[in-house]
C-alpha atoms as a PDB file:
ATOM      1  CA  MET A   1     119.727  77.558 135.087  1.00  0.00           C
ATOM      2  CA  LEU A   2     117.509  74.657 136.133  1.00  0.00           C
ATOM      3  CA  LYS A   3     120.494  72.301 135.917  1.00  0.00           C
ATOM      4  CA  LYS A   4     122.406  74.410 138.456  1.00  0.00           C
ATOM      5  CA  LEU A   5     119.406  74.517 140.754  1.00  0.00           C
ATOM      6  CA  LEU A   6     119.104  70.733 140.632  1.00  0.00           C
ATOM      7  CA  GLU A   7     122.831  70.333 141.325  1.00  0.00           C
ATOM      8  CA  ALA A   8     122.309  72.261 144.577  1.00  0.00           C
ATOM      9  CA  ASP A   9     119.648  69.700 145.544  1.00  0.00           C
ATOM     10  CA  ALA A  10     122.242  66.954 145.225  1.00  0.00           C
ATOM     11  CA  ILE A  11     124.309  68.507 148.023  1.00  0.00           C
ATOM     12  CA  GLY A  12     121.328  69.142 150.301  1.00  0.00           C
ATOM     13  CA  LEU A  13     120.472  72.760 149.468  1.00  0.00           C
ATOM     14  CA  ARG A  14     117.269  74.231 148.080  1.00  0.00           C
ATOM     15  CA  LEU A  15     118.247  76.973 145.675  1.00  0.00           C
ATOM     16  CA  GLU A  16     115.919  79.514 144.086  1.00  0.00           C
ATOM     17  CA  TRP A  17     116.615  82.310 141.621  1.00  0.00           C
ATOM     18  CA  VAL A  18     114.171  85.112 142.452  1.00  0.00           C
ATOM     19  CA  GLY A  19     114.250  88.445 140.648  1.00  0.00           C
ATOM     20  CA  GLY A  20     117.930  87.965 139.809  1.00  0.00           C
ATOM     21  CA  LEU A  21     118.787  87.123 143.424  1.00  0.00           C
ATOM     22  CA  PRO A  22     120.010  83.639 144.402  1.00  0.00           C
ATOM     23  CA  LEU A  23     118.311  82.388 147.585  1.00  0.00           C
ATOM     24  CA  TRP A  24     119.140  79.180 149.368  1.00  0.00           C
ATOM     25  CA  GLU A  25     118.057  77.248 152.411  1.00  0.00           C
ATOM     26  CA  ALA A  26     118.756  73.866 153.939  1.00  0.00           C
ATOM     27  CA  GLN A  27     116.423  70.974 153.233  1.00  0.00           C
ATOM     28  CA  PRO A  28     113.202  71.138 155.279  1.00  0.00           C
ATOM     29  CA  THR A  29     112.817  69.588 158.714  1.00  0.00           C
ATOM     30  CA  TYR A  30     110.251  67.011 159.759  1.00  0.00           C
ATOM     31  CA  ARG A  31     108.096  69.710 161.461  1.00  0.00           C
ATOM     32  CA  HIS A  32     108.092  71.672 158.191  1.00  0.00           C
ATOM     33  CA  GLN A  33     107.126  68.661 156.079  1.00  0.00           C
ATOM     34  CA  LYS A  34     104.368  67.612 158.496  1.00  0.00           C
ATOM     35  CA  ALA A  35     102.839  71.089 158.180  1.00  0.00           C
ATOM     36  CA  VAL A  36     103.041  70.943 154.366  1.00  0.00           C
ATOM     37  CA  ASP A  37     101.408  67.498 154.303  1.00  0.00           C
ATOM     38  CA  ARG A  38      98.622  68.547 156.683  1.00  0.00           C
ATOM     39  CA  ILE A  39      97.799  71.652 154.635  1.00  0.00           C
ATOM     40  CA  ARG A  40      97.848  69.703 151.355  1.00  0.00           C
ATOM     41  CA  GLN A  41      95.470  67.101 152.792  1.00  0.00           C
ATOM     42  CA  SER A  42      92.990  69.871 153.621  1.00  0.00           C
ATOM     43  CA  LEU A  43      92.996  71.460 150.134  1.00  0.00           C
ATOM     44  CA  ARG A  44      89.770  71.117 148.205  1.00  0.00           C
ATOM     45  CA  PRO A  45      87.567  73.044 145.772  1.00  0.00           C
ATOM     46  CA  LYS A  46      84.724  75.059 147.243  1.00  0.00           C
ATOM     47  CA  GLU A  47      81.352  73.702 146.199  1.00  0.00           C
ATOM     48  CA  GLY A  48      80.545  75.008 142.729  1.00  0.00           C
ATOM     49  CA  ALA A  49      84.084  76.268 142.037  1.00  0.00           C
ATOM     50  CA  SER A  50      85.485  75.755 138.548  1.00  0.00           C
ATOM     51  CA  CYS A  51      89.081  75.437 139.808  1.00  0.00           C
ATOM     52  CA  ALA A  52      90.330  71.853 140.314  1.00  0.00           C
ATOM     53  CA  CYS A  53      92.688  73.013 143.114  1.00  0.00           C
ATOM     54  CA  VAL A  54      95.591  70.882 141.888  1.00  0.00           C
ATOM     55  CA  HIS A  55      98.413  71.171 144.405  1.00  0.00           C
ATOM     56  CA  VAL A  56     102.060  70.186 144.196  1.00  0.00           C
ATOM     57  CA  ALA A  57     104.778  70.404 146.816  1.00  0.00           C
ATOM     58  CA  ASP A  58     108.350  71.554 146.419  1.00  0.00           C
ATOM     59  CA  VAL A  59     108.668  71.705 142.620  1.00  0.00           C
ATOM     60  CA  TYR A  60     110.372  74.369 140.577  1.00  0.00           C
ATOM     61  CA  VAL A  61     108.078  76.941 139.027  1.00  0.00           C
ATOM     62  CA  ARG A  62     109.468  79.249 136.357  1.00  0.00           C
ATOM     63  CA  PHE A  63     107.782  82.612 136.764  1.00  0.00           C
ATOM     64  CA  PRO A  64     107.024  85.110 133.965  1.00  0.00           C
ATOM     65  CA  ASP A  65     110.177  87.161 134.718  1.00  0.00           C
ATOM     66  CA  GLY A  66     112.375  84.048 134.339  1.00  0.00           C
ATOM     67  CA  SER A  67     112.817  83.451 138.073  1.00  0.00           C
ATOM     68  CA  TYR A  68     112.781  79.935 139.508  1.00  0.00           C
ATOM     69  CA  LYS A  69     111.049  79.396 142.839  1.00  0.00           C
ATOM     70  CA  ARG A  70     110.144  76.260 144.796  1.00  0.00           C
ATOM     71  CA  PRO A  71     106.992  77.022 146.755  1.00  0.00           C
ATOM     72  CA  ASP A  72     106.258  74.646 149.585  1.00  0.00           C
ATOM     73  CA  ILE A  73     102.827  74.267 147.981  1.00  0.00           C
ATOM     74  CA  ALA A  74     101.809  75.622 144.567  1.00  0.00           C
ATOM     75  CA  ILE A  75      98.093  75.547 143.723  1.00  0.00           C
ATOM     76  CA  PHE A  76      96.803  75.478 140.144  1.00  0.00           C
ATOM     77  CA  CYS A  77      93.329  75.304 138.635  1.00  0.00           C
ATOM     78  CA  ARG A  78      94.467  72.622 136.184  1.00  0.00           C
ATOM     79  CA  GLU A  79      97.253  70.098 135.873  1.00  0.00           C
ATOM     80  CA  PRO A  80     100.525  71.681 134.717  1.00  0.00           C
ATOM     81  CA  GLU A  81     101.792  70.298 131.404  1.00  0.00           C
ATOM     82  CA  GLU A  82     105.438  69.978 132.425  1.00  0.00           C
ATOM     83  CA  LEU A  83     106.307  66.654 134.023  1.00  0.00           C
ATOM     84  CA  ASP A  84     110.107  66.644 133.755  1.00  0.00           C
ATOM     85  CA  GLU A  85     111.042  70.326 133.904  1.00  0.00           C
ATOM     86  CA  ALA A  86     110.121  73.490 135.753  1.00  0.00           C
ATOM     87  CA  ILE A  87     106.410  74.277 135.645  1.00  0.00           C
ATOM     88  CA  THR A  88     105.647  77.427 133.648  1.00  0.00           C
ATOM     89  CA  LEU A  89     101.946  77.638 134.514  1.00  0.00           C
ATOM     90  CA  LEU A  90     101.489  80.494 136.979  1.00  0.00           C
ATOM     91  CA  PRO A  91     100.129  79.228 140.316  1.00  0.00           C
ATOM     92  CA  GLU A  92      96.802  80.632 141.471  1.00  0.00           C
ATOM     93  CA  ALA A  93      98.128  80.495 145.021  1.00  0.00           C
ATOM     94  CA  VAL A  94     101.279  79.655 146.935  1.00  0.00           C
ATOM     95  CA  VAL A  95     101.648  78.397 150.509  1.00  0.00           C
ATOM     96  CA  GLU A  96     104.956  78.789 152.332  1.00  0.00           C
ATOM     97  CA  VAL A  97     105.820  77.216 155.665  1.00  0.00           C
ATOM     98  CA  VAL A  98     108.405  79.276 157.537  1.00  0.00           C
ATOM     99  CA  SER A  99     111.749  77.571 158.086  1.00  0.00           C
ATOM    100  CA  ARG A 100     113.773  78.583 161.128  1.00  0.00           C
ATOM    101  CA  GLY A 101     116.661  80.814 160.081  1.00  0.00           C
ATOM    102  CA  TYR A 102     114.990  81.684 156.754  1.00  0.00           C
ATOM    103  CA  GLU A 103     112.188  83.912 158.041  1.00  0.00           C
ATOM    104  CA  ALA A 104     113.115  86.852 155.781  1.00  0.00           C
ATOM    105  CA  LYS A 105     112.944  84.648 152.680  1.00  0.00           C
ATOM    106  CA  ASP A 106     109.598  83.148 153.682  1.00  0.00           C
ATOM    107  CA  LEU A 107     107.924  86.243 155.159  1.00  0.00           C
ATOM    108  CA  GLU A 108     109.293  89.140 153.119  1.00  0.00           C
ATOM    109  CA  ILE A 109     111.002  88.200 149.857  1.00  0.00           C
ATOM    110  CA  GLY A 110     108.825  85.309 148.679  1.00  0.00           C
ATOM    111  CA  PRO A 111     105.354  86.781 149.212  1.00  0.00           C
ATOM    112  CA  ARG A 112     106.220  90.132 147.648  1.00  0.00           C
ATOM    113  CA  PHE A 113     107.789  88.400 144.659  1.00  0.00           C
ATOM    114  CA  CYS A 114     104.866  86.001 144.090  1.00  0.00           C
ATOM    115  CA  LEU A 115     102.282  88.772 144.247  1.00  0.00           C
ATOM    116  CA  SER A 116     104.337  90.883 141.814  1.00  0.00           C
ATOM    117  CA  GLN A 117     104.270  87.988 139.335  1.00  0.00           C
ATOM    118  CA  GLY A 118     100.473  87.677 139.420  1.00  0.00           C
ATOM    119  CA  VAL A 119      99.883  84.989 142.056  1.00  0.00           C
ATOM    120  CA  LYS A 120      96.491  85.843 143.560  1.00  0.00           C
ATOM    121  CA  ASP A 121      96.942  84.418 147.071  1.00  0.00           C
ATOM    122  CA  VAL A 122     100.046  83.872 149.182  1.00  0.00           C
ATOM    123  CA  VAL A 123      99.643  82.081 152.502  1.00  0.00           C
ATOM    124  CA  VAL A 124     102.525  81.956 154.971  1.00  0.00           C
ATOM    125  CA  PHE A 125     102.401  79.689 158.015  1.00  0.00           C
ATOM    126  CA  ASP A 126     104.872  79.798 160.887  1.00  0.00           C
ATOM    127  CA  PRO A 127     104.697  76.403 162.639  1.00  0.00           C
ATOM    128  CA  TYR A 128     106.616  77.757 165.650  1.00  0.00           C
ATOM    129  CA  THR A 129     104.263  80.662 166.467  1.00  0.00           C
ATOM    130  CA  LEU A 130     101.119  79.391 164.633  1.00  0.00           C
ATOM    131  CA  LEU A 131     100.917  82.738 162.794  1.00  0.00           C
ATOM    132  CA  VAL A 132      99.099  82.559 159.452  1.00  0.00           C
ATOM    133  CA  LEU A 133      99.410  85.430 156.981  1.00  0.00           C
ATOM    134  CA  HIS A 134      97.060  85.555 153.997  1.00  0.00           C
ATOM    135  CA  LEU A 135      98.315  88.073 151.458  1.00  0.00           C
ATOM    136  CA  ARG A 136      96.637  89.395 148.335  1.00  0.00           C
ATOM    137  CA  ARG A 137      97.415  92.371 146.152  1.00  0.00           C
ATOM    138  CA  ASP A 138      94.792  94.388 148.024  1.00  0.00           C
ATOM    139  CA  GLY A 139      96.043  93.629 151.536  1.00  0.00           C
ATOM    140  CA  ALA A 140      96.942  91.112 154.188  1.00  0.00           C
ATOM    141  CA  SER A 141      95.131  89.329 157.013  1.00  0.00           C
ATOM    142  CA  ARG A 142      96.630  87.711 160.123  1.00  0.00           C
ATOM    143  CA  TYR A 143      95.257  84.626 161.818  1.00  0.00           C
ATOM    144  CA  VAL A 144      96.253  82.007 164.352  1.00  0.00           C
ATOM    145  CA  SER A 145      96.322  78.384 163.193  1.00  0.00           C
ATOM    146  CA  PRO A 146      94.126  76.465 162.743  1.00  0.00           C
ATOM    147  CA  VAL A 147      92.096  78.589 160.341  1.00  0.00           C
ATOM    148  CA  GLU A 148      90.178  77.790 157.164  1.00  0.00           C
ATOM    149  CA  LEU A 149      90.923  80.113 154.254  1.00  0.00           C
ATOM    150  CA  GLU A 150      89.164  80.614 150.949  1.00  0.00           C
ATOM    151  CA  LEU A 151      91.388  81.436 147.994  1.00  0.00           C
ATOM    152  CA  GLU A 152      90.346  83.662 145.092  1.00  0.00           C
ATOM    153  CA  ALA A 153      90.356  80.654 142.755  1.00  0.00           C
ATOM    154  CA  GLY A 154      87.689  78.949 144.864  1.00  0.00           C
ATOM    155  CA  CYS A 155      89.898  76.560 146.832  1.00  0.00           C
ATOM    156  CA  LEU A 156      89.543  75.976 150.568  1.00  0.00           C
ATOM    157  CA  LEU A 157      92.381  74.982 152.866  1.00  0.00           C
ATOM    158  CA  THR A 158      93.005  74.693 156.562  1.00  0.00           C
ATOM    159  CA  VAL A 159      96.264  76.121 157.841  1.00  0.00           C
END
């Protein structure tokens, strides 16, 4: 499966396999990547937190149900072991930056899926409206960017 996903990259598509459903989108725009970079630069452990807040952008994560997803930012408490294949360590949190034309994937499908797999925090940022959604299994909060968020793992980030 991973081979097919990587072949899609070669022709300029980002392909994910989520809950048995193939999802694709075009490669990200400059606005999208600037938002990802800015958020990653702000990520840090809260004082006294045991989580290292390791963050990676745009890599395949293989989820417990066998799905492959490429979060814009995946946050882990330790370094994943996989260097040359899909990461199998479940992210503590995922950040998605909304891409124009793919709002349903970023706002509806992705967050629900990640939470169902055990991800503790899902943050969705729309760089066009500045809407920030912070979703957890017990509910969701809405903000306007810029806002500092604290994740369950003890990481802080500014969206």
